[in-house]
Amino acid sequence: MPPPAGAAKADGAGGAKRVPQPGQDQRPGPWLARIALRLLLIAAIALVASKLISLSMDLTARLPEAGQGPMQLVLVLSALAIYALLIAIPFVPGIEVGIALLLLRGASIAPAVYLATLTGLLLAYFIGRLVPDATLERAFRDVRLHRAADLIAQNAAMTPEEREGALHARLPLWLRAALTRYRYVTLALLINLPGNAFLGGGGGLMIAAGLSHLFAPRQTILTLMLAVLPFPFTIWWFGTGMLGLSSG
């Protein structure tokens, strides 16, 4: 006589194992909960970024009313801090806040905008660099990207030199030198590339650079110091008049 639906079935160890019956609800795996949590996190980041953009633009719009006093200093520092955070978030157009500050305050604020840009990009880089390989591998497996997860698992056991060699072997010939031997130059060019928002923006590029572990901190800091310099330095030297706009 067959056992009733949902009855326990003895296993080889003498214990009991419940046999799922047709039509009986089964619990989803833990990967589904992790995907849901990550989607909620992404949605929260997008919402925070949207609020930060609105707040930063509101702060910059109020600068002319604040006069030359403590209130204006507070507004400027707040806008710069928000700008640095926005720069670190992938696919978020934070550069507009920096440009607005330059146009409203003129050449005098260019050094502060430079430092805020550098801070935001370095924040993104170190966030990517500090993400454990095991966490990244599990995230890819949760969304069924097993080949990418296997690649991360292989790279986790390699030294930076071995990773560079493996990347060199996988890349097409026309990309090998740019992404291995001259990777710091390529990174600097991509940071300044118009339309790089399609690649994740400065924040996305720097998080990817950190995740790869192919970019050493010292060389990366030096690269960013030089890559970020041209636009603020030009504004500081020539003023906002070169843009055909007045700083008021």
Protein backbone atom coordinates (compact mmCIF):
# COMPACT_ATOMS: atom_id res chain seq x y z
CA MET A 1 0.00 0.00 0.00
CA PRO A 2 1.57 3.39 -1.02
CA PRO A 3 2.34 5.85 1.80
CA PRO A 4 -0.01 8.83 2.23
CA ALA A 5 0.81 12.18 0.66
CA GLY A 6 3.48 14.09 2.52
CA ALA A 7 4.58 11.00 4.48
CA ALA A 8 8.15 10.76 5.75
CA LYS A 9 10.49 8.38 3.98
CA ALA A 10 13.36 6.74 5.83
CA ASP A 11 16.80 7.46 4.45
CA GLY A 12 19.91 5.35 4.55
CA ALA A 13 21.06 6.80 7.86
CA GLY A 14 17.92 5.72 9.65
CA GLY A 15 16.47 9.23 9.72
CA ALA A 16 13.36 10.51 8.04
CA LYS A 17 13.27 12.63 4.92
CA ARG A 18 10.08 14.27 3.74
CA VAL A 19 9.19 13.43 0.14
CA PRO A 20 7.59 16.36 -1.74
CA GLN A 21 4.37 15.39 -3.46
CA PRO A 22 3.11 16.64 -6.84
CA GLY A 23 1.40 19.99 -6.45
CA GLN A 24 2.87 20.47 -2.97
CA ASP A 25 4.48 23.90 -2.36
CA GLN A 26 8.27 23.88 -2.10
CA ARG A 27 10.41 26.58 -0.57
CA PRO A 28 12.51 28.62 -3.00
CA GLY A 29 16.25 28.38 -2.57
CA PRO A 30 18.20 30.96 -0.59
CA TRP A 31 19.51 32.43 -3.85
CA LEU A 32 16.05 33.83 -4.57
CA ALA A 33 16.02 35.74 -1.29
CA ARG A 34 19.51 37.09 -2.01
CA ILE A 35 18.42 38.31 -5.46
CA ALA A 36 15.40 40.04 -3.91
CA LEU A 37 17.61 41.74 -1.33
CA ARG A 38 20.05 42.91 -4.00
CA LEU A 39 17.22 44.30 -6.13
CA LEU A 40 15.91 46.18 -3.10
CA LEU A 41 19.41 47.52 -2.44
CA ILE A 42 19.76 48.70 -6.05
CA ALA A 43 16.35 50.37 -5.88
CA ALA A 44 17.32 52.07 -2.61
CA ILE A 45 20.60 53.33 -4.09
CA ALA A 46 18.75 54.68 -7.14
CA LEU A 47 16.23 56.45 -4.90
CA VAL A 48 18.96 57.94 -2.70
CA ALA A 49 20.91 59.06 -5.78
CA SER A 50 17.81 60.76 -7.19
CA LYS A 51 17.20 62.58 -3.90
CA LEU A 52 20.87 63.59 -3.67
CA ILE A 53 20.80 65.03 -7.20
CA SER A 54 17.71 67.10 -6.37
CA LEU A 55 19.22 68.25 -3.07
CA SER A 56 22.57 69.19 -4.60
CA MET A 57 20.98 71.17 -7.43
CA ASP A 58 18.75 72.94 -4.90
CA LEU A 59 21.80 73.84 -2.81
CA THR A 60 23.68 75.22 -5.80
CA ALA A 61 20.63 77.22 -6.89
CA ARG A 62 20.51 78.88 -3.46
CA LEU A 63 24.16 79.93 -3.54
CA PRO A 64 23.54 83.40 -5.07
CA GLU A 65 21.03 84.18 -2.30
CA ALA A 66 23.33 83.13 0.54
CA GLY A 67 25.74 86.04 0.20
CA GLN A 68 29.36 85.89 1.34
CA GLY A 69 28.89 84.45 4.80
CA PRO A 70 28.84 81.23 6.84
CA MET A 71 25.61 80.13 5.18
CA GLN A 72 27.22 80.11 1.75
CA LEU A 73 30.18 78.11 3.08
CA VAL A 74 27.81 75.50 4.52
CA LEU A 75 25.93 75.28 1.21
CA VAL A 76 29.13 74.93 -0.81
CA LEU A 77 30.60 72.23 1.46
CA SER A 78 27.30 70.33 1.47
CA ALA A 79 27.05 70.47 -2.32
CA LEU A 80 30.67 69.30 -2.68
CA ALA A 81 30.10 66.36 -0.30
CA ILE A 82 26.97 65.29 -2.19
CA TYR A 83 28.81 65.72 -5.48
CA ALA A 84 31.60 63.38 -4.31
CA LEU A 85 29.02 60.74 -3.33
CA LEU A 86 27.20 61.04 -6.66
CA ILE A 87 30.44 60.67 -8.61
CA ALA A 88 31.05 57.35 -6.81
CA ILE A 89 27.67 55.86 -7.84
CA PRO A 90 27.64 54.03 -11.22
CA PHE A 91 25.42 55.44 -14.00
CA VAL A 92 24.61 58.59 -11.99
CA PRO A 93 25.29 61.91 -13.80
CA GLY A 94 26.99 63.65 -10.89
CA ILE A 95 29.32 65.76 -13.03
CA GLU A 96 26.51 68.26 -13.67
CA VAL A 97 26.67 69.29 -10.01
CA GLY A 98 30.39 70.04 -10.32
CA ILE A 99 29.84 72.07 -13.48
CA ALA A 100 27.01 74.02 -11.80
CA LEU A 101 29.29 74.86 -8.88
CA LEU A 102 32.02 76.03 -11.25
CA LEU A 103 29.62 78.26 -13.15
CA LEU A 104 28.08 79.75 -10.01
CA ARG A 105 31.26 80.29 -8.01
CA GLY A 106 33.76 80.65 -10.85
CA ALA A 107 37.45 79.79 -10.82
CA SER A 108 37.79 80.13 -7.04
CA ILE A 109 35.97 76.85 -6.40
CA ALA A 110 37.82 74.83 -9.07
CA PRO A 111 40.38 73.33 -6.60
CA ALA A 112 37.56 72.19 -4.29
CA VAL A 113 35.67 70.61 -7.21
CA TYR A 114 38.89 68.85 -8.24
CA LEU A 115 39.36 67.39 -4.74
CA ALA A 116 35.70 66.34 -4.52
CA THR A 117 35.90 64.60 -7.91
CA LEU A 118 39.10 62.81 -6.90
CA THR A 119 37.56 61.76 -3.57
CA GLY A 120 34.43 60.35 -5.22
CA LEU A 121 36.36 58.32 -7.80
CA LEU A 122 38.76 56.94 -5.19
CA LEU A 123 35.80 56.02 -2.98
CA ALA A 124 34.33 53.99 -5.86
CA TYR A 125 37.70 52.32 -6.54
CA PHE A 126 38.22 51.22 -2.93
CA ILE A 127 34.63 50.00 -2.63
CA GLY A 128 35.25 47.74 -5.63
CA ARG A 129 38.65 46.64 -4.34
CA LEU A 130 37.30 45.67 -0.91
CA VAL A 131 34.43 43.49 -2.20
CA PRO A 132 35.42 39.86 -1.42
CA ASP A 133 35.77 37.58 -4.45
CA ALA A 134 33.49 35.02 -2.76
CA THR A 135 30.70 37.59 -2.47
CA LEU A 136 31.02 38.55 -6.12
CA GLU A 137 31.11 34.91 -7.22
CA ARG A 138 27.95 34.10 -5.25
CA ALA A 139 26.17 37.14 -6.72
CA PHE A 140 26.88 35.90 -10.26
CA ARG A 141 25.77 32.35 -9.42
CA ASP A 142 22.52 33.66 -7.96
CA VAL A 143 21.63 35.17 -11.34
CA ARG A 144 22.81 32.00 -13.12
CA LEU A 145 25.92 33.58 -14.68
CA HIS A 146 27.99 30.50 -13.93
CA ARG A 147 30.74 31.15 -16.47
CA ALA A 148 31.42 34.57 -14.96
CA ALA A 149 31.33 33.03 -11.47
CA ASP A 150 33.80 30.32 -12.52
CA LEU A 151 36.10 32.99 -13.94
CA ILE A 152 36.00 34.93 -10.66
CA ALA A 153 36.74 31.74 -8.71
CA GLN A 154 39.75 31.04 -10.93
CA ASN A 155 41.03 34.60 -10.62
CA ALA A 156 40.65 34.57 -6.84
CA ALA A 157 43.52 32.10 -6.54
CA MET A 158 45.83 34.12 -8.83
CA THR A 159 48.36 36.82 -8.11
CA PRO A 160 47.87 40.19 -9.87
CA GLU A 161 50.59 39.19 -12.36
CA GLU A 162 48.81 35.91 -13.12
CA ARG A 163 45.51 37.74 -13.53
CA GLU A 164 47.09 40.12 -15.99
CA GLY A 165 48.52 37.20 -17.98
CA ALA A 166 45.17 35.41 -18.04
CA LEU A 167 43.39 38.59 -19.18
CA HIS A 168 46.02 39.14 -21.88
CA ALA A 169 45.43 35.63 -23.21
CA ARG A 170 41.63 36.04 -23.35
CA LEU A 171 41.50 39.46 -25.02
CA PRO A 172 41.45 40.02 -28.79
CA LEU A 173 44.77 41.20 -30.22
CA TRP A 174 43.67 44.80 -30.77
CA LEU A 175 42.66 45.20 -27.09
CA ARG A 176 45.52 43.40 -25.36
CA ALA A 177 47.99 46.25 -25.04
CA ALA A 178 45.34 48.84 -24.13
CA LEU A 179 43.82 46.81 -21.29
CA THR A 180 46.99 45.24 -19.90
CA ARG A 181 50.26 47.05 -20.57
CA TYR A 182 48.69 50.51 -20.93
CA ARG A 183 45.71 49.95 -18.65
CA TYR A 184 46.34 53.06 -16.54
CA VAL A 185 46.44 55.26 -19.64
CA THR A 186 43.26 53.60 -20.89
CA LEU A 187 41.58 54.20 -17.53
CA ALA A 188 42.50 57.90 -17.62
CA LEU A 189 41.12 58.23 -21.15
CA LEU A 190 37.87 56.46 -20.23
CA ILE A 191 37.38 58.70 -17.19
CA ASN A 192 37.50 61.73 -19.49
CA LEU A 193 35.59 60.14 -22.37
CA PRO A 194 32.41 62.08 -23.28
CA GLY A 195 29.42 59.81 -22.87
CA ASN A 196 31.17 57.38 -20.53
CA ALA A 197 27.88 57.16 -18.62
CA PHE A 198 27.05 54.28 -20.98
CA LEU A 199 30.04 52.46 -19.43
CA GLY A 200 28.88 53.21 -15.90
CA GLY A 201 30.34 56.69 -15.59
CA GLY A 202 33.40 57.47 -13.51
CA GLY A 203 32.01 55.60 -10.51
CA GLY A 204 31.20 52.47 -12.50
CA LEU A 205 34.60 52.45 -14.20
CA MET A 206 36.42 52.83 -10.88
CA ILE A 207 34.38 50.11 -9.16
CA ALA A 208 35.21 47.78 -12.06
CA ALA A 209 38.90 48.73 -11.77
CA GLY A 210 38.82 47.92 -8.06
CA LEU A 211 37.02 44.61 -8.59
CA SER A 212 39.59 43.50 -11.17
CA HIS A 213 42.51 43.83 -8.70
CA LEU A 214 44.66 44.74 -11.71
CA PHE A 215 45.04 48.37 -10.64
CA ALA A 216 47.43 48.96 -7.74
CA PRO A 217 46.32 51.67 -5.27
CA ARG A 218 49.38 53.89 -5.60
CA GLN A 219 49.39 53.94 -9.41
CA THR A 220 45.61 54.35 -9.49
CA ILE A 221 45.70 57.38 -7.18
CA LEU A 222 48.40 58.99 -9.33
CA THR A 223 46.46 58.20 -12.51
CA LEU A 224 43.30 59.81 -11.15
CA MET A 225 45.14 62.86 -9.87
CA LEU A 226 46.35 63.50 -13.42
CA ALA A 227 43.18 62.38 -15.24
CA VAL A 228 40.83 64.60 -13.23
CA LEU A 229 43.08 67.67 -13.35
CA PRO A 230 42.62 69.17 -16.87
CA PHE A 231 39.07 70.56 -16.65
CA PRO A 232 39.23 72.13 -13.14
CA PHE A 233 42.72 73.46 -13.84
CA THR A 234 41.58 75.04 -17.11
CA ILE A 235 38.64 76.72 -15.36
CA TRP A 236 40.90 77.88 -12.53
CA TRP A 237 43.47 79.31 -14.96
CA PHE A 238 41.24 80.82 -17.65
CA GLY A 239 37.96 81.29 -15.76
CA THR A 240 34.45 80.28 -16.80
CA GLY A 241 34.53 82.77 -19.69
CA MET A 242 36.17 80.10 -21.85
CA LEU A 243 32.85 78.21 -21.73
CA GLY A 244 31.01 81.21 -23.12
CA LEU A 245 29.18 81.57 -19.80
CA SER A 246 29.53 83.94 -16.90
CA SER A 247 29.89 82.88 -13.29
CA GLY A 248 27.78 85.87 -12.26
